[in-house]
Amino acid sequence: MRVLVACEYSGRVREAFRRRGHDAWSCDLLPAEDGSRYHLQGDCLEEIAAGVLGKVAMRRGPNSLGQYFDPVPWDLIIAHPPCTDLAVSGARHFSAKIADGRQQKALDFVQALMDSPCDRIAIENPVSVISSKIRKPDQIIQPWMFGHPEKKATCLWLKGLPKLVPTNDVSEEMKTLPKSVTDRIHRMPPGPDRWKERSRTYQGIADAMAEQWGS
């Protein structure tokens, strides 16, 4: 299966699929955190339109017969669009973001991802205005459903995909842990890399995506 993980620099979802034998690629404006050769740095909408095999072939030039490969469509797209201008956790800044067009630009990007020419698409974001401005999510998951004793509501907008089935419910374990652990993401101190840490996909969720959607 050919999988594109859009707006991912960490490679967690990409590698979860690759470990299961899929031709998975990540794409982001940032370079790959793990230095993987299976990362495309650039505009994910361009990669979706072109297909990675066609783009890579064009970068390398023609083969020994002087031919270029035709773009190959994606079988599955999992996208993590930036939530900075969308998440309700930043609602106090919405007026300014609406006024200067930032929020609408972010929504247009999400809509473009949803409209991608692919039969199976998952869009991941925290609780956000996507629900009210585009449509409600098909599912809301938590890390504790997949083996991580933490809270972070994550919405999934799905096309042609089943809802994720929890793989390791550790909600009872959470009751014995301090809030510094269970609310780690929300209590993360300000800093230049805070947004990066908050945006990482939990490994248990990445593995569940690969196991349940990789067929």
C-alpha atoms as a PDB file:
ATOM      1  CA  MET A   1       0.000   0.000   0.000  1.00  0.00           C
ATOM      2  CA  ARG A   2       1.243   3.492  -0.837  1.00  0.00           C
ATOM      3  CA  VAL A   3       0.743   5.773   2.150  1.00  0.00           C
ATOM      4  CA  LEU A   4       1.370   9.501   2.507  1.00  0.00           C
ATOM      5  CA  VAL A   5       1.545  10.946   6.011  1.00  0.00           C
ATOM      6  CA  ALA A   6       1.052  14.649   5.396  1.00  0.00           C
ATOM      7  CA  CYS A   7       2.323  17.340   7.749  1.00  0.00           C
ATOM      8  CA  GLU A   8       4.519  14.925   9.689  1.00  0.00           C
ATOM      9  CA  TYR A   9       8.173  15.654  10.468  1.00  0.00           C
ATOM     10  CA  SER A  10       8.652  13.069  13.267  1.00  0.00           C
ATOM     11  CA  GLY A  11       8.133  10.004  11.098  1.00  0.00           C
ATOM     12  CA  ARG A  12       6.226   8.065  13.759  1.00  0.00           C
ATOM     13  CA  VAL A  13       3.205   7.233  11.618  1.00  0.00           C
ATOM     14  CA  ARG A  14       5.338   6.763   8.512  1.00  0.00           C
ATOM     15  CA  GLU A  15       7.606   4.259  10.243  1.00  0.00           C
ATOM     16  CA  ALA A  16       4.672   2.396  11.822  1.00  0.00           C
ATOM     17  CA  PHE A  17       3.437   1.661   8.300  1.00  0.00           C
ATOM     18  CA  ARG A  18       6.889   0.923   6.889  1.00  0.00           C
ATOM     19  CA  ARG A  19       7.522  -1.642   9.637  1.00  0.00           C
ATOM     20  CA  ARG A  20       4.485  -3.469   8.291  1.00  0.00           C
ATOM     21  CA  GLY A  21       5.816  -3.502   4.747  1.00  0.00           C
ATOM     22  CA  HIS A  22       3.986  -0.522   3.266  1.00  0.00           C
ATOM     23  CA  ASP A  23       5.476   2.052   0.882  1.00  0.00           C
ATOM     24  CA  ALA A  24       4.929   4.901   3.330  1.00  0.00           C
ATOM     25  CA  TRP A  25       6.262   8.452   2.999  1.00  0.00           C
ATOM     26  CA  SER A  26       5.989  11.491   5.232  1.00  0.00           C
ATOM     27  CA  CYS A  27       5.825  15.055   3.963  1.00  0.00           C
ATOM     28  CA  ASP A  28       6.273  18.362   5.743  1.00  0.00           C
ATOM     29  CA  LEU A  29       7.725  21.826   5.244  1.00  0.00           C
ATOM     30  CA  LEU A  30      10.258  20.843   7.924  1.00  0.00           C
ATOM     31  CA  PRO A  31      13.008  18.271   7.341  1.00  0.00           C
ATOM     32  CA  ALA A  32      12.571  14.776   8.757  1.00  0.00           C
ATOM     33  CA  GLU A  33      13.487  14.622  12.424  1.00  0.00           C
ATOM     34  CA  ASP A  34      14.879  11.119  11.939  1.00  0.00           C
ATOM     35  CA  GLY A  35      16.739  11.960   8.729  1.00  0.00           C
ATOM     36  CA  SER A  36      14.754   9.365   6.759  1.00  0.00           C
ATOM     37  CA  ARG A  37      15.103   9.106   3.007  1.00  0.00           C
ATOM     38  CA  TYR A  38      11.355   8.421   2.967  1.00  0.00           C
ATOM     39  CA  HIS A  39      10.509  12.012   3.799  1.00  0.00           C
ATOM     40  CA  LEU A  40       9.516  14.647   1.263  1.00  0.00           C
ATOM     41  CA  GLN A  41      10.238  18.194   2.376  1.00  0.00           C
ATOM     42  CA  GLY A  42       7.779  20.515   0.724  1.00  0.00           C
ATOM     43  CA  ASP A  43       4.112  21.200   0.081  1.00  0.00           C
ATOM     44  CA  CYS A  44       2.079  18.064   0.780  1.00  0.00           C
ATOM     45  CA  LEU A  45      -0.703  19.161  -1.593  1.00  0.00           C
ATOM     46  CA  GLU A  46       1.817  19.123  -4.434  1.00  0.00           C
ATOM     47  CA  GLU A  47       2.956  15.639  -3.451  1.00  0.00           C
ATOM     48  CA  ILE A  48      -0.637  14.450  -3.293  1.00  0.00           C
ATOM     49  CA  ALA A  49      -1.301  15.811  -6.766  1.00  0.00           C
ATOM     50  CA  ALA A  50       1.884  14.461  -8.333  1.00  0.00           C
ATOM     51  CA  GLY A  51       2.472  11.128  -6.610  1.00  0.00           C
ATOM     52  CA  VAL A  52       5.840  10.451  -5.055  1.00  0.00           C
ATOM     53  CA  LEU A  53       7.147   8.072  -7.726  1.00  0.00           C
ATOM     54  CA  GLY A  54       6.557  10.625 -10.420  1.00  0.00           C
ATOM     55  CA  LYS A  55       8.145  13.413  -8.368  1.00  0.00           C
ATOM     56  CA  VAL A  56      11.173  11.358  -7.405  1.00  0.00           C
ATOM     57  CA  ALA A  57      11.675  10.256 -10.985  1.00  0.00           C
ATOM     58  CA  MET A  58      11.562  13.848 -12.158  1.00  0.00           C
ATOM     59  CA  ARG A  59      14.170  14.790  -9.586  1.00  0.00           C
ATOM     60  CA  ARG A  60      16.482  12.011 -10.694  1.00  0.00           C
ATOM     61  CA  GLY A  61      15.944  12.441 -14.406  1.00  0.00           C
ATOM     62  CA  PRO A  62      14.960   9.786 -16.963  1.00  0.00           C
ATOM     63  CA  ASN A  63      15.876   6.127 -16.562  1.00  0.00           C
ATOM     64  CA  SER A  64      18.285   4.272 -18.834  1.00  0.00           C
ATOM     65  CA  LEU A  65      15.673   4.170 -21.583  1.00  0.00           C
ATOM     66  CA  GLY A  66      15.111   7.911 -21.390  1.00  0.00           C
ATOM     67  CA  GLN A  67      11.706   7.460 -19.784  1.00  0.00           C
ATOM     68  CA  TYR A  68      10.054   9.181 -16.829  1.00  0.00           C
ATOM     69  CA  PHE A  69       7.774   7.293 -14.472  1.00  0.00           C
ATOM     70  CA  ASP A  70       4.128   8.300 -14.371  1.00  0.00           C
ATOM     71  CA  PRO A  71       2.812   9.532 -11.014  1.00  0.00           C
ATOM     72  CA  VAL A  72       1.242   6.784  -8.925  1.00  0.00           C
ATOM     73  CA  PRO A  73      -1.820   7.651  -6.814  1.00  0.00           C
ATOM     74  CA  TRP A  74      -1.840   7.283  -3.036  1.00  0.00           C
ATOM     75  CA  ASP A  75      -3.837   4.447  -1.489  1.00  0.00           C
ATOM     76  CA  LEU A  76      -4.095   6.148   1.901  1.00  0.00           C
ATOM     77  CA  ILE A  77      -3.481   9.681   3.143  1.00  0.00           C
ATOM     78  CA  ILE A  78      -3.173  10.491   6.845  1.00  0.00           C
ATOM     79  CA  ALA A  79      -2.871  14.224   7.447  1.00  0.00           C
ATOM     80  CA  HIS A  80      -1.992  16.237  10.537  1.00  0.00           C
ATOM     81  CA  PRO A  81      -2.677  19.834   9.430  1.00  0.00           C
ATOM     82  CA  PRO A  82      -1.296  22.588  11.695  1.00  0.00           C
ATOM     83  CA  CYS A  83      -3.787  23.402  14.451  1.00  0.00           C
ATOM     84  CA  THR A  84      -2.353  26.768  15.572  1.00  0.00           C
ATOM     85  CA  ASP A  85      -5.161  28.792  13.986  1.00  0.00           C
ATOM     86  CA  LEU A  86      -7.887  26.176  14.485  1.00  0.00           C
ATOM     87  CA  ALA A  87      -7.721  24.618  17.962  1.00  0.00           C
ATOM     88  CA  VAL A  88     -10.289  25.846  20.471  1.00  0.00           C
ATOM     89  CA  SER A  89      -7.544  25.938  23.090  1.00  0.00           C
ATOM     90  CA  GLY A  90      -6.483  29.185  21.418  1.00  0.00           C
ATOM     91  CA  ALA A  91      -9.999  30.616  21.097  1.00  0.00           C
ATOM     92  CA  ARG A  92      -8.982  33.866  22.814  1.00  0.00           C
ATOM     93  CA  HIS A  93      -6.990  34.702  19.665  1.00  0.00           C
ATOM     94  CA  PHE A  94      -9.724  33.813  17.168  1.00  0.00           C
ATOM     95  CA  SER A  95     -10.909  37.385  16.555  1.00  0.00           C
ATOM     96  CA  ALA A  96      -7.503  38.437  15.286  1.00  0.00           C
ATOM     97  CA  LYS A  97      -7.049  35.237  13.274  1.00  0.00           C
ATOM     98  CA  ILE A  98     -10.443  35.675  11.616  1.00  0.00           C
ATOM     99  CA  ALA A  99      -9.797  39.325  10.876  1.00  0.00           C
ATOM    100  CA  ASP A 100      -6.463  38.788   9.143  1.00  0.00           C
ATOM    101  CA  GLY A 101      -7.565  35.638   7.302  1.00  0.00           C
ATOM    102  CA  ARG A 102      -5.276  33.156   9.067  1.00  0.00           C
ATOM    103  CA  GLN A 103      -8.100  30.942  10.254  1.00  0.00           C
ATOM    104  CA  GLN A 104      -9.800  30.790   6.867  1.00  0.00           C
ATOM    105  CA  LYS A 105      -6.480  29.945   5.208  1.00  0.00           C
ATOM    106  CA  ALA A 106      -6.015  27.074   7.671  1.00  0.00           C
ATOM    107  CA  LEU A 107      -9.563  25.858   7.027  1.00  0.00           C
ATOM    108  CA  ASP A 108      -9.035  26.016   3.263  1.00  0.00           C
ATOM    109  CA  PHE A 109      -5.947  23.831   3.688  1.00  0.00           C
ATOM    110  CA  VAL A 110      -7.924  21.255   5.691  1.00  0.00           C
ATOM    111  CA  GLN A 111     -10.678  21.256   3.074  1.00  0.00           C
ATOM    112  CA  ALA A 112      -8.115  20.734   0.302  1.00  0.00           C
ATOM    113  CA  LEU A 113      -6.740  17.728   2.196  1.00  0.00           C
ATOM    114  CA  MET A 114     -10.242  16.318   2.621  1.00  0.00           C
ATOM    115  CA  ASP A 115     -10.898  16.801  -1.100  1.00  0.00           C
ATOM    116  CA  SER A 116      -7.691  15.013  -2.139  1.00  0.00           C
ATOM    117  CA  PRO A 117      -8.038  12.436  -4.941  1.00  0.00           C
ATOM    118  CA  CYS A 118      -7.746   9.426  -2.653  1.00  0.00           C
ATOM    119  CA  ASP A 119     -10.347   6.893  -1.556  1.00  0.00           C
ATOM    120  CA  ARG A 120      -9.063   6.611   2.026  1.00  0.00           C
ATOM    121  CA  ILE A 121      -8.243   9.718   4.022  1.00  0.00           C
ATOM    122  CA  ALA A 122      -7.834  10.496   7.729  1.00  0.00           C
ATOM    123  CA  ILE A 123      -7.486  14.049   9.022  1.00  0.00           C
ATOM    124  CA  GLU A 124      -6.224  14.399  12.613  1.00  0.00           C
ATOM    125  CA  ASN A 125      -6.549  17.519  14.761  1.00  0.00           C
ATOM    126  CA  PRO A 126      -7.370  18.502  18.337  1.00  0.00           C
ATOM    127  CA  VAL A 127     -10.827  19.844  19.159  1.00  0.00           C
ATOM    128  CA  SER A 128     -11.099  22.720  16.718  1.00  0.00           C
ATOM    129  CA  VAL A 129     -13.297  24.913  14.541  1.00  0.00           C
ATOM    130  CA  ILE A 130     -13.095  22.285  11.815  1.00  0.00           C
ATOM    131  CA  SER A 131     -16.101  20.760  13.574  1.00  0.00           C
ATOM    132  CA  SER A 132     -18.229  23.875  13.201  1.00  0.00           C
ATOM    133  CA  LYS A 133     -16.825  25.328   9.982  1.00  0.00           C
ATOM    134  CA  ILE A 134     -16.488  22.148   7.881  1.00  0.00           C
ATOM    135  CA  ARG A 135     -18.048  19.136   9.614  1.00  0.00           C
ATOM    136  CA  LYS A 136     -18.043  17.230  12.869  1.00  0.00           C
ATOM    137  CA  PRO A 137     -15.366  14.555  13.343  1.00  0.00           C
ATOM    138  CA  ASP A 138     -16.187  10.904  12.863  1.00  0.00           C
ATOM    139  CA  GLN A 139     -14.330   9.916  16.032  1.00  0.00           C
ATOM    140  CA  ILE A 140     -12.616  11.407  19.069  1.00  0.00           C
ATOM    141  CA  ILE A 141      -9.838   9.331  20.605  1.00  0.00           C
ATOM    142  CA  GLN A 142      -7.600   9.644  23.657  1.00  0.00           C
ATOM    143  CA  PRO A 143      -3.997   8.418  24.215  1.00  0.00           C
ATOM    144  CA  TRP A 144      -5.160   6.274  27.149  1.00  0.00           C
ATOM    145  CA  MET A 145      -7.142   4.137  24.696  1.00  0.00           C
ATOM    146  CA  PHE A 146      -3.846   3.077  23.094  1.00  0.00           C
ATOM    147  CA  GLY A 147      -1.545   2.458  26.046  1.00  0.00           C
ATOM    148  CA  HIS A 148      -0.514   5.999  27.034  1.00  0.00           C
ATOM    149  CA  PRO A 149      -1.845   7.123  30.454  1.00  0.00           C
ATOM    150  CA  GLU A 150      -2.420  10.699  29.304  1.00  0.00           C
ATOM    151  CA  LYS A 151      -5.277  12.934  28.236  1.00  0.00           C
ATOM    152  CA  LYS A 152      -5.344  14.656  24.854  1.00  0.00           C
ATOM    153  CA  ALA A 153      -8.602  14.641  22.915  1.00  0.00           C
ATOM    154  CA  THR A 154      -7.844  14.007  19.252  1.00  0.00           C
ATOM    155  CA  CYS A 155     -10.461  14.267  16.524  1.00  0.00           C
ATOM    156  CA  LEU A 156     -10.451  12.142  13.377  1.00  0.00           C
ATOM    157  CA  TRP A 157     -12.258  13.023  10.164  1.00  0.00           C
ATOM    158  CA  LEU A 158     -12.448   9.841   8.099  1.00  0.00           C
ATOM    159  CA  LYS A 159     -13.151   8.979   4.469  1.00  0.00           C
ATOM    160  CA  GLY A 160     -13.329   5.324   3.461  1.00  0.00           C
ATOM    161  CA  LEU A 161     -11.796   4.206   6.760  1.00  0.00           C
ATOM    162  CA  PRO A 162     -13.242   2.521   9.862  1.00  0.00           C
ATOM    163  CA  LYS A 163     -13.025   4.115  13.275  1.00  0.00           C
ATOM    164  CA  LEU A 164      -9.945   3.143  15.239  1.00  0.00           C
ATOM    165  CA  VAL A 165     -10.549   0.404  17.787  1.00  0.00           C
ATOM    166  CA  PRO A 166      -8.787   0.997  21.149  1.00  0.00           C
ATOM    167  CA  THR A 167      -5.878  -1.399  21.592  1.00  0.00           C
ATOM    168  CA  ASN A 168      -4.832  -0.943  25.231  1.00  0.00           C
ATOM    169  CA  ASP A 169      -7.160   0.895  27.611  1.00  0.00           C
ATOM    170  CA  VAL A 170      -5.110   2.173  30.554  1.00  0.00           C
ATOM    171  CA  SER A 171      -7.759   4.468  32.020  1.00  0.00           C
ATOM    172  CA  GLU A 172      -7.665   2.602  35.350  1.00  0.00           C
ATOM    173  CA  GLU A 173      -3.902   3.079  35.592  1.00  0.00           C
ATOM    174  CA  MET A 174      -4.396   6.810  35.045  1.00  0.00           C
ATOM    175  CA  LYS A 175      -6.370   7.054  38.275  1.00  0.00           C
ATOM    176  CA  THR A 176      -3.208   6.198  40.230  1.00  0.00           C
ATOM    177  CA  LEU A 177      -1.021   8.782  38.505  1.00  0.00           C
ATOM    178  CA  PRO A 178      -0.490  12.477  39.294  1.00  0.00           C
ATOM    179  CA  LYS A 179      -1.802  15.149  36.948  1.00  0.00           C
ATOM    180  CA  SER A 180       1.778  16.025  36.044  1.00  0.00           C
ATOM    181  CA  VAL A 181       1.768  12.722  34.138  1.00  0.00           C
ATOM    182  CA  THR A 182      -1.806  12.430  32.882  1.00  0.00           C
ATOM    183  CA  ASP A 183      -1.978  16.113  31.859  1.00  0.00           C
ATOM    184  CA  ARG A 184       1.610  16.283  30.567  1.00  0.00           C
ATOM    185  CA  ILE A 185       0.684  17.848  27.238  1.00  0.00           C
ATOM    186  CA  HIS A 186      -1.531  20.540  28.745  1.00  0.00           C
ATOM    187  CA  ARG A 187       1.037  21.374  31.453  1.00  0.00           C
ATOM    188  CA  MET A 188       3.987  21.576  29.077  1.00  0.00           C
ATOM    189  CA  PRO A 189       5.859  24.828  29.793  1.00  0.00           C
ATOM    190  CA  PRO A 190       6.239  27.512  27.105  1.00  0.00           C
ATOM    191  CA  GLY A 191       9.259  27.212  24.872  1.00  0.00           C
ATOM    192  CA  PRO A 192      10.385  27.267  21.235  1.00  0.00           C
ATOM    193  CA  ASP A 193       9.781  23.527  20.772  1.00  0.00           C
ATOM    194  CA  ARG A 194       6.530  23.276  22.728  1.00  0.00           C
ATOM    195  CA  TRP A 195       4.404  23.112  19.583  1.00  0.00           C
ATOM    196  CA  LYS A 196       6.574  20.312  18.211  1.00  0.00           C
ATOM    197  CA  GLU A 197       6.226  18.196  21.338  1.00  0.00           C
ATOM    198  CA  ARG A 198       2.473  18.773  21.490  1.00  0.00           C
ATOM    199  CA  SER A 199       2.031  17.788  17.842  1.00  0.00           C
ATOM    200  CA  ARG A 200       3.718  14.374  17.985  1.00  0.00           C
ATOM    201  CA  THR A 201       1.489  11.374  17.351  1.00  0.00           C
ATOM    202  CA  TYR A 202       1.527   8.927  20.257  1.00  0.00           C
ATOM    203  CA  GLN A 203       3.265   5.695  19.282  1.00  0.00           C
ATOM    204  CA  GLY A 204       0.296   3.571  20.338  1.00  0.00           C
ATOM    205  CA  ILE A 205      -2.003   5.557  18.043  1.00  0.00           C
ATOM    206  CA  ALA A 206       0.478   5.384  15.154  1.00  0.00           C
ATOM    207  CA  ASP A 207       0.719   1.611  15.578  1.00  0.00           C
ATOM    208  CA  ALA A 208      -3.071   1.270  15.681  1.00  0.00           C
ATOM    209  CA  MET A 209      -3.393   3.254  12.447  1.00  0.00           C
ATOM    210  CA  ALA A 210      -0.887   0.999  10.715  1.00  0.00           C
ATOM    211  CA  GLU A 211      -2.423  -2.217  12.061  1.00  0.00           C
ATOM    212  CA  GLN A 212      -6.049  -1.317  11.413  1.00  0.00           C
ATOM    213  CA  TRP A 213      -5.837   0.821   8.281  1.00  0.00           C
ATOM    214  CA  GLY A 214      -2.903  -0.895   6.609  1.00  0.00           C
ATOM    215  CA  SER A 215      -4.830  -3.614   4.806  1.00  0.00           C
END
